[in-house]
Each structure stands twice: as structure tokens, then as C-alpha cells.
Amino acid sequence: MAIEASFTIDQADFPLSTVFAQLTDATIELDRIVPTSNAVIPYFWIYADDTATLTTDLSNDVGIDQVTIIDEVEGQMFVRVDWNLDHESVLTAIVNTDVTLLSGMGNQEQWTFEVRANEQQELAAFQTYCQKHDIPIELTQLHALASLKADQEYDLTEGQRKAITLAYSKGYFDTPRTATQNDLADELGITRQAVSSRLQRGLRRLVASTLITPQE
């Protein structure tokens, strides 16, 4: 039976710690599900009040070969990270075992990752790899994979699903609104910019999956 697990790791124990040294209010989010069987080439969003103040070369972080800034708008920076897999980290544990990375979110305190395994033995192998290579993960949630969720049909990330459903339940889409993006950010524990981006990208995916035909 397929299993999904969530685990945390201290911010300092994962590459990209330089971001938080300069932007203490930053949140970093994995943009989408990334295939990790042969290579890890993830895309990340960096959210902060002023991303323009990030001047350090992130490629100097241990475990990173290169960081490419793809796009930057107010409070958001979209980057591609090419990892140095000679450095042992959560990413090498994923590459060298049979789990699949589903999501990742980092802040000043810690990173939270979600992975999927086809069976219990694969998840156990992942945990054993981390222990053997002194990668200090802490398992926080474990559950068997339920039937396909509606949001998965529409290619929503977990963060986008939570933001959209919370916005709906709190009245963000009502007229007049009974909640602001700041209210949603406080409840989700992320920045307002991150909420705005999740709502925008999540609603775009919903529209693309439900209203737009291939011809359009």
C-alpha cells in the first residue's frame, strides 16, 4: 500500500541556508512535484518582503552547484537550483532510495517535506539512509494513500490546495470579503506574498484543468 510521510529538518541542515541569513522573513517553497529517480532539478519560489536585498551568491551554499534566477517580481523570486549530490542531504536520500518528493517548504526555523513511497519498506529504507548519513530528519506525519483527491486531478500542490480551501472557508472570495490575504497568511504561517502566489497559481491551474480546452 502506498504511503505518504511528512518530516522536518532544521533549516541549517539543508542547502539554501544563505537565503535565511539575509532574509529572516523568507519562505521558500518547492514549486511543483519533481521527478527524483535520476536527477533533482527543482524549482523554488522565494517569498520575502524585499527579495531585492538578497545579494549573496547562493551557489556558495554547501550542496549547491548553481542557482539561476528565472524571474523576480515584488516579494517573489523564482529560481532553479542545480544540486551538488556529492554532499549528503535530504535530496541525496531521496535520489538514492525509492521515495518520491511531493512538496517542500522552508522558513527561518525548519524545512518540511512530504514524500511518497509505494510500500512501507521503501519509506523504512529512506529513514535508514538518513540515519546512516547523519541526516537529522524528524517524522511528523504518516498515512496510507487514500483514493485520488480532487485537487490532485487538477495538479494542485498541497500548499495551493490549503490556501484556496482556507480562503473559501474564511470568506476571502465573498462579497464583501470577510478575510484578507494577511488573515490567511497568519493562519497558514507564511507571508502574504506566499499566499498571493499560491492563490494565483492554484486558481490558474484550476481554470486550466476545468474550463480551458486544448484548442484554447
Protein backbone atom coordinates (compact mmCIF):
# COMPACT_ATOMS: atom_id res chain seq x y z
CA MET A 1 0.00 0.00 0.00
CA ALA A 2 1.32 3.44 -0.93
CA ILE A 3 2.32 5.65 1.98
CA GLU A 4 2.80 9.39 2.32
CA ALA A 5 5.01 10.84 5.05
CA SER A 6 5.86 14.33 6.24
CA PHE A 7 9.10 15.15 8.02
CA THR A 8 11.04 18.18 9.16
CA ILE A 9 14.70 19.11 9.27
CA ASP A 10 16.40 22.14 10.79
CA GLN A 11 16.90 24.98 8.33
CA ALA A 12 20.69 24.88 8.83
CA ASP A 13 20.82 21.21 7.80
CA PHE A 14 19.55 21.87 4.28
CA PRO A 15 21.14 23.87 1.43
CA LEU A 16 19.86 27.41 0.77
CA SER A 17 20.50 28.47 4.36
CA THR A 18 22.20 31.59 2.98
CA VAL A 19 18.77 32.89 1.98
CA PHE A 20 17.64 32.99 5.60
CA ALA A 21 20.88 34.62 6.72
CA GLN A 22 19.92 37.67 4.66
CA LEU A 23 16.12 37.42 4.54
CA THR A 24 14.97 36.38 8.00
CA ASP A 25 11.30 36.66 6.99
CA ALA A 26 11.71 34.47 3.91
CA THR A 27 9.68 31.43 2.99
CA ILE A 28 10.94 29.03 0.32
CA GLU A 29 8.54 26.69 -1.43
CA LEU A 30 9.12 23.88 -3.91
CA ASP A 31 7.16 24.89 -6.98
CA ARG A 32 5.87 21.51 -8.13
CA ILE A 33 6.25 17.73 -7.85
CA VAL A 34 9.73 16.91 -9.13
CA PRO A 35 10.85 13.53 -10.55
CA THR A 36 13.82 12.42 -8.47
CA SER A 37 14.69 8.97 -9.84
CA ASN A 38 17.78 10.06 -11.77
CA ALA A 39 18.29 13.75 -11.09
CA VAL A 40 16.97 16.52 -8.89
CA ILE A 41 16.42 19.80 -10.71
CA PRO A 42 13.81 21.55 -8.58
CA TYR A 43 12.32 24.96 -9.00
CA PHE A 44 11.72 27.06 -5.90
CA TRP A 45 9.82 30.22 -5.04
CA ILE A 46 11.44 32.54 -2.51
CA TYR A 47 9.00 34.87 -0.76
CA ALA A 48 10.08 37.84 1.36
CA ASP A 49 9.16 41.46 1.94
CA ASP A 50 12.14 42.58 -0.15
CA THR A 51 13.82 39.86 -2.22
CA ALA A 52 15.89 42.56 -3.95
CA THR A 53 18.11 42.74 -0.85
CA LEU A 54 19.30 39.16 -1.46
CA THR A 55 22.79 39.79 -2.82
CA THR A 56 24.75 36.71 -1.73
CA ASP A 57 25.68 34.14 -4.38
CA LEU A 58 23.54 31.18 -3.30
CA SER A 59 25.83 28.84 -5.23
CA ASN A 60 28.29 29.22 -2.34
CA ASP A 61 25.99 27.15 -0.13
CA VAL A 62 27.23 23.64 0.57
CA GLY A 63 25.34 21.17 -1.59
CA ILE A 64 24.61 23.58 -4.44
CA ASP A 65 26.36 23.75 -7.80
CA GLN A 66 24.40 26.60 -9.33
CA VAL A 67 21.37 28.79 -8.72
CA THR A 68 19.69 30.53 -11.63
CA ILE A 69 17.20 33.34 -11.04
CA ILE A 70 14.48 32.80 -13.62
CA ASP A 71 12.06 35.54 -12.66
CA GLU A 72 11.63 38.17 -9.97
CA VAL A 73 8.62 40.28 -9.06
CA GLU A 74 7.77 42.23 -5.94
CA GLY A 75 8.24 39.98 -2.93
CA GLN A 76 8.83 36.85 -5.03
CA MET A 77 11.82 35.23 -6.70
CA PHE A 78 11.62 32.13 -8.91
CA VAL A 79 14.86 30.16 -9.02
CA ARG A 80 16.23 26.92 -10.40
CA VAL A 81 18.70 25.03 -8.23
CA ASP A 82 21.24 22.51 -9.55
CA TRP A 83 22.39 20.45 -6.59
CA ASN A 84 25.79 19.02 -5.78
CA LEU A 85 24.78 15.46 -4.94
CA ASP A 86 28.24 14.65 -3.58
CA HIS A 87 27.04 16.46 -0.45
CA GLU A 88 24.78 14.24 1.66
CA SER A 89 21.39 15.81 2.37
CA VAL A 90 17.69 15.04 2.23
CA LEU A 91 17.95 15.26 -1.54
CA THR A 92 20.59 12.55 -1.84
CA ALA A 93 18.47 10.38 0.44
CA ILE A 94 15.55 10.80 -1.97
CA VAL A 95 17.70 10.14 -5.05
CA ASN A 96 19.27 7.00 -3.58
CA THR A 97 16.05 5.44 -2.30
CA ASP A 98 12.64 4.77 -3.87
CA VAL A 99 10.62 7.59 -2.34
CA THR A 100 9.20 10.46 -4.40
CA LEU A 101 9.39 14.09 -3.29
CA LEU A 102 5.93 15.70 -3.31
CA SER A 103 6.43 19.07 -1.63
CA GLY A 104 8.90 21.16 0.33
CA MET A 105 8.59 24.34 2.39
CA GLY A 106 11.33 26.14 4.31
CA ASN A 107 11.48 29.07 6.71
CA GLN A 108 13.90 30.55 9.24
CA GLU A 109 13.31 27.62 11.62
CA GLN A 110 12.98 24.46 9.55
CA TRP A 111 12.13 22.69 6.31
CA THR A 112 9.06 20.50 5.95
CA PHE A 113 8.97 17.86 3.22
CA GLU A 114 6.33 15.44 2.02
CA VAL A 115 7.32 12.20 0.30
CA ARG A 116 5.50 9.18 -1.11
CA ALA A 117 6.56 5.53 -1.04
CA ASN A 118 4.92 2.58 -2.75
CA GLU A 119 5.25 0.46 0.37
CA GLN A 120 6.44 0.62 3.97
CA GLN A 121 9.81 -0.94 3.17
CA GLU A 122 10.73 1.90 0.81
CA LEU A 123 10.00 4.51 3.47
CA ALA A 124 11.98 2.48 6.01
CA ALA A 125 14.92 2.39 3.58
CA PHE A 126 14.72 6.18 3.26
CA GLN A 127 14.81 6.62 7.04
CA THR A 128 17.70 4.16 7.33
CA TYR A 129 19.65 6.08 4.69
CA CYS A 130 19.15 9.32 6.62
CA GLN A 131 20.30 7.72 9.87
CA LYS A 132 23.36 6.17 8.24
CA HIS A 133 24.44 9.51 6.72
CA ASP A 134 23.62 11.65 9.77
CA ILE A 135 20.74 13.49 8.10
CA PRO A 136 18.64 14.54 11.13
CA ILE A 137 15.06 14.25 9.87
CA GLU A 138 12.07 14.08 12.23
CA LEU A 139 9.00 12.19 11.03
CA THR A 140 5.85 14.22 11.80
CA GLN A 141 3.07 12.51 9.88
CA LEU A 142 2.48 9.13 8.25
CA HIS A 143 -0.63 7.86 6.48
CA ALA A 144 -1.70 5.37 3.84
CA LEU A 145 -2.54 6.91 0.49
CA ALA A 146 -6.26 7.46 0.17
CA SER A 147 -8.26 7.49 -3.04
CA LEU A 148 -7.41 10.19 -5.55
CA LYS A 149 -8.27 13.64 -4.24
CA ALA A 150 -9.98 16.18 -6.43
CA ASP A 151 -7.10 18.66 -6.15
CA GLN A 152 -4.64 16.03 -7.40
CA GLU A 153 -6.74 15.67 -10.54
CA TYR A 154 -6.21 19.37 -11.14
CA ASP A 155 -2.44 19.26 -10.45
CA LEU A 156 -2.66 21.46 -7.34
CA THR A 157 0.18 21.39 -4.85
CA GLU A 158 -0.67 20.80 -1.20
CA GLY A 159 0.16 24.44 -0.41
CA GLN A 160 -2.15 25.71 -3.15
CA ARG A 161 -4.98 23.43 -2.01
CA LYS A 162 -4.68 24.62 1.60
CA ALA A 163 -4.57 28.28 0.60
CA ILE A 164 -7.60 28.03 -1.70
CA THR A 165 -9.75 25.98 0.69
CA LEU A 166 -8.87 28.25 3.62
CA ALA A 167 -9.65 31.34 1.53
CA TYR A 168 -13.04 29.84 0.64
CA SER A 169 -13.92 28.85 4.20
CA LYS A 170 -12.88 32.25 5.63
CA GLY A 171 -14.87 34.24 3.08
CA TYR A 172 -11.98 35.62 1.03
CA PHE A 173 -13.99 35.07 -2.16
CA ASP A 174 -17.20 36.52 -0.71
CA THR A 175 -18.57 40.00 -1.46
CA PRO A 176 -17.78 41.82 0.68
CA ARG A 177 -14.72 39.87 1.76
CA THR A 178 -14.60 38.69 5.35
CA ALA A 179 -10.89 37.81 5.27
CA THR A 180 -7.77 39.36 3.79
CA GLN A 181 -4.59 37.81 2.46
CA ASN A 182 -2.90 38.90 5.67
CA ASP A 183 -5.51 36.94 7.65
CA LEU A 184 -4.84 33.84 5.55
CA ALA A 185 -1.08 34.32 5.88
CA ASP A 186 -1.32 34.50 9.68
CA GLU A 187 -3.32 31.26 9.84
CA LEU A 188 -1.07 29.39 7.38
CA GLY A 189 2.11 30.71 8.99
CA ILE A 190 3.52 32.11 5.74
CA THR A 191 3.97 35.56 4.21
CA ARG A 192 1.24 37.49 2.45
CA GLN A 193 3.26 37.27 -0.77
CA ALA A 194 3.29 33.48 -0.50
CA VAL A 195 -0.49 33.43 -0.01
CA SER A 196 -0.99 35.68 -3.03
CA SER A 197 1.23 33.49 -5.20
CA ARG A 198 -0.43 30.24 -4.07
CA LEU A 199 -3.91 31.63 -4.78
CA GLN A 200 -2.88 32.99 -8.16
CA ARG A 201 -1.07 29.87 -9.36
CA GLY A 202 -3.60 27.48 -7.83
CA LEU A 203 -6.60 29.23 -9.40
CA ARG A 204 -4.78 29.33 -12.73
CA ARG A 205 -4.32 25.55 -12.57
CA LEU A 206 -7.96 25.04 -11.64
CA VAL A 207 -9.09 27.14 -14.60
CA ALA A 208 -6.68 25.37 -16.96
CA SER A 209 -7.91 21.97 -15.78
CA THR A 210 -11.64 22.67 -15.83
CA LEU A 211 -12.55 25.48 -18.22
CA ILE A 212 -9.87 25.59 -20.90
CA THR A 213 -9.92 23.15 -23.81
CA PRO A 214 -6.68 22.02 -25.54
CA GLN A 215 -7.57 24.23 -28.52
CA GLU A 216 -7.88 27.27 -26.26
